[in-house]
Amino acid sequence: MNKMITWCLIVGITLLFPDQTGSVLAKEKEREYYETRGEIVWEVPTKSKVIALTFDDGPDPRYTTQIAELLKEYNAKATFFVVGSRVKAHPQVVRLLMEQQHELANHTYTHPDVRRISPANLREEVLATQEEIYKHTGLRPHLFRPPGGVYNESLVHVAKDAGFLVVMWSWHQDTRDWSDPGVKKITNKVLNNARNGDIVLFHDYGGNRKQTVDALREIMPELQKRGYQFVTVSELMKYRNQIKQVGMD
């Protein structure tokens, strides 16, 4: 009798609160759907020891510059998902990233909650950022990451129509550095979960990013000792294409 009551309670809660009880399963199905179609990338399965470090929400004249200095020290390349309004405010930082051959990618113009804006407004956000980046670098990125990692059919359609590939991050490599969890937690998150083809999520704006910078000082030399090479997301994608070609032969 007690087992029956417990079972009924579980079913009732699931029906009343599907987001809380079924979100993980639903997300897995949703991810597989987009991943199979090649419309969203979370990571790149590969036997090569390559990892892509990515930074959201910048540029920031203080922390983005410090991160760029660290990347240069370790001969590493990274991908920066920049916000258009911040590119306009700090074009010199974007030019520095370009000069150091890092990859620039699109992260909207004002960092809105994309669930609350229309497809037309999202398109405006993305294209305005493209033009801002082009104005200062002569480049138009082809990668897009939606704020908050939100994705759905409408967003993917807007991105594809504008010529973008949507890029997320490895679920086991979300450092949550925006929450200031401490240098040790950020460092351990990356080092304890490092796998070939990972896309690691950091932030270079949105508050005090000293923890992120300090964690990178520990993460980068350790991963290099393990034989990893730091590449841009576009470089990482080449490994995926090679795997597909091998599989077709």
C-alpha atoms as a PDB file:
ATOM      1  CA  MET A   1       0.000   0.000   0.000  1.00  0.00           C
ATOM      2  CA  ASN A   2       2.796   2.405   0.907  1.00  0.00           C
ATOM      3  CA  LYS A   3       4.573   1.627  -2.376  1.00  0.00           C
ATOM      4  CA  MET A   4       1.394   2.382  -4.304  1.00  0.00           C
ATOM      5  CA  ILE A   5       0.978   5.746  -2.533  1.00  0.00           C
ATOM      6  CA  THR A   6       4.609   6.638  -3.221  1.00  0.00           C
ATOM      7  CA  TRP A   7       4.238   5.728  -6.892  1.00  0.00           C
ATOM      8  CA  CYS A   8       1.096   7.836  -7.221  1.00  0.00           C
ATOM      9  CA  LEU A   9       2.824  10.806  -5.622  1.00  0.00           C
ATOM     10  CA  ILE A  10       5.751  10.550  -8.044  1.00  0.00           C
ATOM     11  CA  VAL A  11       3.431  10.378 -11.048  1.00  0.00           C
ATOM     12  CA  GLY A  12       1.393  13.315  -9.746  1.00  0.00           C
ATOM     13  CA  ILE A  13       4.449  15.494  -9.197  1.00  0.00           C
ATOM     14  CA  THR A  14       5.757  14.608 -12.660  1.00  0.00           C
ATOM     15  CA  LEU A  15       2.490  15.681 -14.273  1.00  0.00           C
ATOM     16  CA  LEU A  16       2.216  18.878 -12.266  1.00  0.00           C
ATOM     17  CA  PHE A  17       5.872  19.929 -12.566  1.00  0.00           C
ATOM     18  CA  PRO A  18       7.281  18.430 -15.774  1.00  0.00           C
ATOM     19  CA  ASP A  19      10.093  20.977 -16.043  1.00  0.00           C
ATOM     20  CA  GLN A  20      11.482  20.070 -12.639  1.00  0.00           C
ATOM     21  CA  THR A  21      11.137  16.289 -12.904  1.00  0.00           C
ATOM     22  CA  GLY A  22      11.658  15.702 -16.605  1.00  0.00           C
ATOM     23  CA  SER A  23      14.063  18.448 -17.649  1.00  0.00           C
ATOM     24  CA  VAL A  24      17.165  16.287 -17.857  1.00  0.00           C
ATOM     25  CA  LEU A  25      15.524  13.637 -20.015  1.00  0.00           C
ATOM     26  CA  ALA A  26      13.857  16.238 -22.211  1.00  0.00           C
ATOM     27  CA  LYS A  27      17.115  18.064 -22.698  1.00  0.00           C
ATOM     28  CA  GLU A  28      18.909  14.873 -23.695  1.00  0.00           C
ATOM     29  CA  LYS A  29      16.307  14.206 -26.397  1.00  0.00           C
ATOM     30  CA  GLU A  30      16.415  17.791 -27.548  1.00  0.00           C
ATOM     31  CA  ARG A  31      20.191  17.811 -27.705  1.00  0.00           C
ATOM     32  CA  GLU A  32      20.308  14.574 -29.683  1.00  0.00           C
ATOM     33  CA  TYR A  33      17.812  15.970 -32.177  1.00  0.00           C
ATOM     34  CA  TYR A  34      19.883  19.071 -32.942  1.00  0.00           C
ATOM     35  CA  GLU A  35      23.235  17.327 -32.663  1.00  0.00           C
ATOM     36  CA  THR A  36      22.258  14.638 -35.160  1.00  0.00           C
ATOM     37  CA  ARG A  37      21.201  17.296 -37.639  1.00  0.00           C
ATOM     38  CA  GLY A  38      24.470  19.174 -37.148  1.00  0.00           C
ATOM     39  CA  GLU A  39      22.660  22.359 -36.126  1.00  0.00           C
ATOM     40  CA  ILE A  40      24.164  22.774 -32.656  1.00  0.00           C
ATOM     41  CA  VAL A  41      27.589  21.749 -31.382  1.00  0.00           C
ATOM     42  CA  TRP A  42      28.353  20.943 -27.752  1.00  0.00           C
ATOM     43  CA  GLU A  43      31.699  19.218 -28.246  1.00  0.00           C
ATOM     44  CA  VAL A  44      33.643  17.349 -30.912  1.00  0.00           C
ATOM     45  CA  PRO A  45      34.339  13.638 -30.414  1.00  0.00           C
ATOM     46  CA  THR A  46      37.951  13.069 -31.409  1.00  0.00           C
ATOM     47  CA  LYS A  47      40.969  10.976 -30.506  1.00  0.00           C
ATOM     48  CA  SER A  48      43.165  14.076 -30.696  1.00  0.00           C
ATOM     49  CA  LYS A  49      44.078  15.898 -27.478  1.00  0.00           C
ATOM     50  CA  VAL A  50      42.514  19.234 -28.343  1.00  0.00           C
ATOM     51  CA  ILE A  51      40.310  21.495 -26.223  1.00  0.00           C
ATOM     52  CA  ALA A  52      38.552  24.772 -27.036  1.00  0.00           C
ATOM     53  CA  LEU A  53      38.466  27.451 -24.350  1.00  0.00           C
ATOM     54  CA  THR A  54      35.575  29.880 -24.850  1.00  0.00           C
ATOM     55  CA  PHE A  55      34.763  33.173 -23.152  1.00  0.00           C
ATOM     56  CA  ASP A  56      31.332  34.838 -23.075  1.00  0.00           C
ATOM     57  CA  ASP A  57      29.981  38.356 -22.531  1.00  0.00           C
ATOM     58  CA  GLY A  58      33.058  40.494 -23.225  1.00  0.00           C
ATOM     59  CA  PRO A  59      35.093  42.239 -24.290  1.00  0.00           C
ATOM     60  CA  ASP A  60      36.267  43.804 -21.061  1.00  0.00           C
ATOM     61  CA  PRO A  61      39.322  46.102 -21.033  1.00  0.00           C
ATOM     62  CA  ARG A  62      40.583  44.584 -17.797  1.00  0.00           C
ATOM     63  CA  TYR A  63      39.812  40.875 -17.734  1.00  0.00           C
ATOM     64  CA  THR A  64      39.764  40.120 -21.461  1.00  0.00           C
ATOM     65  CA  THR A  65      43.196  41.701 -21.736  1.00  0.00           C
ATOM     66  CA  GLN A  66      44.526  39.660 -18.817  1.00  0.00           C
ATOM     67  CA  ILE A  67      43.142  36.485 -20.354  1.00  0.00           C
ATOM     68  CA  ALA A  68      44.711  37.356 -23.702  1.00  0.00           C
ATOM     69  CA  GLU A  69      48.086  37.765 -21.989  1.00  0.00           C
ATOM     70  CA  LEU A  70      47.770  34.318 -20.407  1.00  0.00           C
ATOM     71  CA  LEU A  71      46.772  32.733 -23.694  1.00  0.00           C
ATOM     72  CA  LYS A  72      49.786  34.281 -25.364  1.00  0.00           C
ATOM     73  CA  GLU A  73      52.071  32.964 -22.612  1.00  0.00           C
ATOM     74  CA  TYR A  74      50.934  29.406 -23.320  1.00  0.00           C
ATOM     75  CA  ASN A  75      50.762  29.810 -27.099  1.00  0.00           C
ATOM     76  CA  ALA A  76      47.042  29.090 -26.908  1.00  0.00           C
ATOM     77  CA  LYS A  77      44.130  30.161 -29.080  1.00  0.00           C
ATOM     78  CA  ALA A  78      40.585  30.663 -27.815  1.00  0.00           C
ATOM     79  CA  THR A  79      37.140  31.728 -28.996  1.00  0.00           C
ATOM     80  CA  PHE A  80      35.503  34.859 -27.599  1.00  0.00           C
ATOM     81  CA  PHE A  81      31.711  35.123 -27.902  1.00  0.00           C
ATOM     82  CA  VAL A  82      31.395  38.887 -27.796  1.00  0.00           C
ATOM     83  CA  VAL A  83      28.421  41.157 -27.102  1.00  0.00           C
ATOM     84  CA  GLY A  84      27.946  43.816 -29.778  1.00  0.00           C
ATOM     85  CA  SER A  85      27.358  46.745 -27.428  1.00  0.00           C
ATOM     86  CA  ARG A  86      30.595  45.928 -25.624  1.00  0.00           C
ATOM     87  CA  VAL A  87      32.470  45.665 -28.897  1.00  0.00           C
ATOM     88  CA  LYS A  88      31.284  49.199 -29.623  1.00  0.00           C
ATOM     89  CA  ALA A  89      32.459  50.364 -26.184  1.00  0.00           C
ATOM     90  CA  HIS A  90      35.852  48.616 -26.308  1.00  0.00           C
ATOM     91  CA  PRO A  91      36.915  48.124 -29.937  1.00  0.00           C
ATOM     92  CA  GLN A  92      40.596  48.199 -28.991  1.00  0.00           C
ATOM     93  CA  VAL A  93      40.197  44.976 -27.020  1.00  0.00           C
ATOM     94  CA  VAL A  94      38.552  43.248 -29.969  1.00  0.00           C
ATOM     95  CA  ARG A  95      41.377  44.369 -32.226  1.00  0.00           C
ATOM     96  CA  LEU A  96      43.874  42.950 -29.715  1.00  0.00           C
ATOM     97  CA  LEU A  97      42.130  39.572 -29.845  1.00  0.00           C
ATOM     98  CA  MET A  98      42.186  39.639 -33.624  1.00  0.00           C
ATOM     99  CA  GLU A  99      45.878  40.563 -33.698  1.00  0.00           C
ATOM    100  CA  GLN A 100      46.639  37.586 -31.459  1.00  0.00           C
ATOM    101  CA  GLN A 101      44.669  35.343 -33.847  1.00  0.00           C
ATOM    102  CA  HIS A 102      41.911  34.398 -31.454  1.00  0.00           C
ATOM    103  CA  GLU A 103      38.468  33.682 -32.826  1.00  0.00           C
ATOM    104  CA  LEU A 104      35.610  36.159 -32.489  1.00  0.00           C
ATOM    105  CA  ALA A 105      32.055  34.840 -32.332  1.00  0.00           C
ATOM    106  CA  ASN A 106      28.588  36.345 -31.939  1.00  0.00           C
ATOM    107  CA  HIS A 107      26.764  36.540 -28.582  1.00  0.00           C
ATOM    108  CA  THR A 108      24.012  39.079 -29.510  1.00  0.00           C
ATOM    109  CA  TYR A 109      24.119  42.844 -29.142  1.00  0.00           C
ATOM    110  CA  THR A 110      22.534  43.428 -25.710  1.00  0.00           C
ATOM    111  CA  HIS A 111      22.609  39.931 -24.155  1.00  0.00           C
ATOM    112  CA  PRO A 112      18.799  39.615 -23.921  1.00  0.00           C
ATOM    113  CA  ASP A 113      16.768  36.716 -22.621  1.00  0.00           C
ATOM    114  CA  VAL A 114      16.200  35.150 -26.033  1.00  0.00           C
ATOM    115  CA  ARG A 115      13.079  33.370 -24.767  1.00  0.00           C
ATOM    116  CA  ARG A 116      11.378  36.753 -24.419  1.00  0.00           C
ATOM    117  CA  ILE A 117      12.163  38.337 -27.777  1.00  0.00           C
ATOM    118  CA  SER A 118      10.744  37.669 -31.221  1.00  0.00           C
ATOM    119  CA  PRO A 119      12.698  35.900 -33.973  1.00  0.00           C
ATOM    120  CA  ALA A 120      12.852  39.229 -35.803  1.00  0.00           C
ATOM    121  CA  ASN A 121      14.398  40.946 -32.778  1.00  0.00           C
ATOM    122  CA  LEU A 122      16.867  38.102 -32.322  1.00  0.00           C
ATOM    123  CA  ARG A 123      17.923  38.470 -35.935  1.00  0.00           C
ATOM    124  CA  GLU A 124      18.440  42.205 -35.378  1.00  0.00           C
ATOM    125  CA  GLU A 125      20.570  41.475 -32.298  1.00  0.00           C
ATOM    126  CA  VAL A 126      22.758  39.059 -34.202  1.00  0.00           C
ATOM    127  CA  LEU A 127      23.176  41.150 -37.335  1.00  0.00           C
ATOM    128  CA  ALA A 128      23.899  44.330 -35.357  1.00  0.00           C
ATOM    129  CA  THR A 129      26.706  42.489 -33.589  1.00  0.00           C
ATOM    130  CA  GLN A 130      28.045  41.266 -36.921  1.00  0.00           C
ATOM    131  CA  GLU A 131      28.234  44.791 -38.247  1.00  0.00           C
ATOM    132  CA  GLU A 132      29.898  46.080 -35.082  1.00  0.00           C
ATOM    133  CA  ILE A 133      32.559  43.388 -35.261  1.00  0.00           C
ATOM    134  CA  TYR A 134      33.066  43.993 -38.977  1.00  0.00           C
ATOM    135  CA  LYS A 135      33.415  47.725 -38.438  1.00  0.00           C
ATOM    136  CA  HIS A 136      36.413  47.237 -36.152  1.00  0.00           C
ATOM    137  CA  THR A 137      38.032  44.090 -37.550  1.00  0.00           C
ATOM    138  CA  GLY A 138      36.866  43.530 -41.111  1.00  0.00           C
ATOM    139  CA  LEU A 139      35.608  40.099 -40.019  1.00  0.00           C
ATOM    140  CA  ARG A 140      32.129  38.585 -39.876  1.00  0.00           C
ATOM    141  CA  PRO A 141      32.013  35.603 -37.504  1.00  0.00           C
ATOM    142  CA  HIS A 142      30.123  32.441 -38.411  1.00  0.00           C
ATOM    143  CA  LEU A 143      29.596  31.050 -34.901  1.00  0.00           C
ATOM    144  CA  PHE A 144      26.770  32.074 -32.563  1.00  0.00           C
ATOM    145  CA  ARG A 145      26.123  31.276 -28.911  1.00  0.00           C
ATOM    146  CA  PRO A 146      22.757  32.328 -27.454  1.00  0.00           C
ATOM    147  CA  PRO A 147      22.844  33.981 -24.018  1.00  0.00           C
ATOM    148  CA  GLY A 148      22.138  31.505 -21.262  1.00  0.00           C
ATOM    149  CA  GLY A 149      22.585  28.574 -23.610  1.00  0.00           C
ATOM    150  CA  VAL A 150      18.901  28.712 -24.560  1.00  0.00           C
ATOM    151  CA  TYR A 151      18.001  26.906 -27.763  1.00  0.00           C
ATOM    152  CA  ASN A 152      14.863  25.968 -29.680  1.00  0.00           C
ATOM    153  CA  GLU A 153      13.675  25.483 -33.248  1.00  0.00           C
ATOM    154  CA  SER A 154      13.034  29.178 -33.810  1.00  0.00           C
ATOM    155  CA  LEU A 155      16.476  30.223 -32.583  1.00  0.00           C
ATOM    156  CA  VAL A 156      18.224  27.620 -34.707  1.00  0.00           C
ATOM    157  CA  HIS A 157      16.246  28.750 -37.754  1.00  0.00           C
ATOM    158  CA  VAL A 158      17.231  32.397 -37.217  1.00  0.00           C
ATOM    159  CA  ALA A 159      20.876  31.426 -36.764  1.00  0.00           C
ATOM    160  CA  LYS A 160      20.976  29.203 -39.849  1.00  0.00           C
ATOM    161  CA  ASP A 161      19.187  31.784 -41.955  1.00  0.00           C
ATOM    162  CA  ALA A 162      21.805  34.370 -40.953  1.00  0.00           C
ATOM    163  CA  GLY A 163      24.632  31.964 -41.791  1.00  0.00           C
ATOM    164  CA  PHE A 164      25.585  30.853 -38.270  1.00  0.00           C
ATOM    165  CA  LEU A 165      26.370  27.576 -36.589  1.00  0.00           C
ATOM    166  CA  VAL A 166      25.089  27.488 -32.999  1.00  0.00           C
ATOM    167  CA  VAL A 167      27.804  26.545 -30.499  1.00  0.00           C
ATOM    168  CA  MET A 168      27.143  25.639 -26.881  1.00  0.00           C
ATOM    169  CA  TRP A 169      29.624  24.026 -24.486  1.00  0.00           C
ATOM    170  CA  SER A 170      30.346  20.605 -23.042  1.00  0.00           C
ATOM    171  CA  TRP A 171      27.852  20.008 -20.251  1.00  0.00           C
ATOM    172  CA  HIS A 172      30.634  18.676 -18.026  1.00  0.00           C
ATOM    173  CA  GLN A 173      32.687  21.824 -18.684  1.00  0.00           C
ATOM    174  CA  ASP A 174      30.371  24.587 -17.473  1.00  0.00           C
ATOM    175  CA  THR A 175      32.672  26.289 -14.958  1.00  0.00           C
ATOM    176  CA  ARG A 176      29.886  28.526 -13.600  1.00  0.00           C
ATOM    177  CA  ASP A 177      32.605  31.098 -13.008  1.00  0.00           C
ATOM    178  CA  TRP A 178      29.949  33.837 -13.185  1.00  0.00           C
ATOM    179  CA  SER A 179      28.782  32.723  -9.723  1.00  0.00           C
ATOM    180  CA  ASP A 180      32.232  33.255  -8.153  1.00  0.00           C
ATOM    181  CA  PRO A 181      32.507  29.663  -6.870  1.00  0.00           C
ATOM    182  CA  GLY A 182      36.189  30.045  -6.022  1.00  0.00           C
ATOM    183  CA  VAL A 183      39.383  29.399  -7.972  1.00  0.00           C
ATOM    184  CA  LYS A 184      39.662  25.814  -6.734  1.00  0.00           C
ATOM    185  CA  LYS A 185      36.157  24.863  -7.892  1.00  0.00           C
ATOM    186  CA  ILE A 186      36.676  26.391 -11.328  1.00  0.00           C
ATOM    187  CA  THR A 187      40.044  24.675 -11.678  1.00  0.00           C
ATOM    188  CA  ASN A 188      38.811  21.287 -10.489  1.00  0.00           C
ATOM    189  CA  LYS A 189      35.753  21.441 -12.729  1.00  0.00           C
ATOM    190  CA  VAL A 190      37.928  21.717 -15.814  1.00  0.00           C
ATOM    191  CA  LEU A 191      40.823  19.461 -14.830  1.00  0.00           C
ATOM    192  CA  ASN A 192      38.735  16.643 -13.367  1.00  0.00           C
ATOM    193  CA  ASN A 193      36.501  16.459 -16.428  1.00  0.00           C
ATOM    194  CA  ALA A 194      38.906  17.213 -19.281  1.00  0.00           C
ATOM    195  CA  ARG A 195      38.264  15.127 -22.388  1.00  0.00           C
ATOM    196  CA  ASN A 196      39.362  15.302 -25.997  1.00  0.00           C
ATOM    197  CA  GLY A 197      37.205  17.698 -28.004  1.00  0.00           C
ATOM    198  CA  ASP A 198      35.792  19.598 -25.026  1.00  0.00           C
ATOM    199  CA  ILE A 199      34.367  23.101 -25.352  1.00  0.00           C
ATOM    200  CA  VAL A 200      34.923  24.839 -22.004  1.00  0.00           C
ATOM    201  CA  LEU A 201      32.751  27.754 -20.876  1.00  0.00           C
ATOM    202  CA  PHE A 202      34.256  30.775 -19.101  1.00  0.00           C
ATOM    203  CA  HIS A 203      33.198  34.430 -18.839  1.00  0.00           C
ATOM    204  CA  ASP A 204      35.398  37.497 -19.288  1.00  0.00           C
ATOM    205  CA  TYR A 205      32.766  40.056 -18.255  1.00  0.00           C
ATOM    206  CA  GLY A 206      29.800  40.399 -15.903  1.00  0.00           C
ATOM    207  CA  GLY A 207      31.516  41.136 -12.622  1.00  0.00           C
ATOM    208  CA  ASN A 208      34.837  40.442 -10.966  1.00  0.00           C
ATOM    209  CA  ARG A 209      36.529  37.824 -13.137  1.00  0.00           C
ATOM    210  CA  LYS A 210      39.718  37.557 -11.088  1.00  0.00           C
ATOM    211  CA  GLN A 211      38.768  33.990 -10.131  1.00  0.00           C
ATOM    212  CA  THR A 212      38.555  33.061 -13.796  1.00  0.00           C
ATOM    213  CA  VAL A 213      41.963  34.543 -14.538  1.00  0.00           C
ATOM    214  CA  ASP A 214      43.560  32.884 -11.510  1.00  0.00           C
ATOM    215  CA  ALA A 215      41.979  29.534 -12.380  1.00  0.00           C
ATOM    216  CA  LEU A 216      43.327  29.751 -15.922  1.00  0.00           C
ATOM    217  CA  ARG A 217      46.823  30.169 -14.482  1.00  0.00           C
ATOM    218  CA  GLU A 218      46.436  26.697 -12.973  1.00  0.00           C
ATOM    219  CA  ILE A 219      44.363  25.051 -15.692  1.00  0.00           C
ATOM    220  CA  MET A 220      46.440  25.873 -18.748  1.00  0.00           C
ATOM    221  CA  PRO A 221      49.865  24.583 -17.647  1.00  0.00           C
ATOM    222  CA  GLU A 222      48.328  21.411 -16.210  1.00  0.00           C
ATOM    223  CA  LEU A 223      46.403  20.588 -19.378  1.00  0.00           C
ATOM    224  CA  GLN A 224      49.501  21.249 -21.451  1.00  0.00           C
ATOM    225  CA  LYS A 225      51.414  18.807 -19.243  1.00  0.00           C
ATOM    226  CA  ARG A 226      48.739  16.246 -20.096  1.00  0.00           C
ATOM    227  CA  GLY A 227      49.387  16.844 -23.778  1.00  0.00           C
ATOM    228  CA  TYR A 228      46.406  19.017 -24.640  1.00  0.00           C
ATOM    229  CA  GLN A 229      46.495  21.731 -27.278  1.00  0.00           C
ATOM    230  CA  PHE A 230      44.221  24.775 -27.001  1.00  0.00           C
ATOM    231  CA  VAL A 231      42.421  25.552 -30.267  1.00  0.00           C
ATOM    232  CA  THR A 232      39.572  27.761 -31.440  1.00  0.00           C
ATOM    233  CA  VAL A 233      36.115  26.288 -31.913  1.00  0.00           C
ATOM    234  CA  SER A 234      36.468  26.521 -35.694  1.00  0.00           C
ATOM    235  CA  GLU A 235      39.767  24.642 -35.494  1.00  0.00           C
ATOM    236  CA  LEU A 236      38.114  22.060 -33.261  1.00  0.00           C
ATOM    237  CA  MET A 237      35.362  21.575 -35.842  1.00  0.00           C
ATOM    238  CA  LYS A 238      37.943  20.395 -38.379  1.00  0.00           C
ATOM    239  CA  TYR A 239      38.525  17.325 -36.236  1.00  0.00           C
ATOM    240  CA  ARG A 240      34.827  16.500 -36.456  1.00  0.00           C
ATOM    241  CA  ASN A 241      34.911  16.765 -40.231  1.00  0.00           C
ATOM    242  CA  GLN A 242      37.962  14.497 -40.398  1.00  0.00           C
ATOM    243  CA  ILE A 243      36.135  11.871 -38.340  1.00  0.00           C
ATOM    244  CA  LYS A 244      33.171  11.999 -40.708  1.00  0.00           C
ATOM    245  CA  GLN A 245      35.438  11.574 -43.743  1.00  0.00           C
ATOM    246  CA  VAL A 246      37.189   8.601 -42.186  1.00  0.00           C
ATOM    247  CA  GLY A 247      33.842   7.009 -41.412  1.00  0.00           C
ATOM    248  CA  MET A 248      32.696   7.423 -45.011  1.00  0.00           C
ATOM    249  CA  ASP A 249      35.707   5.635 -46.532  1.00  0.00           C
END
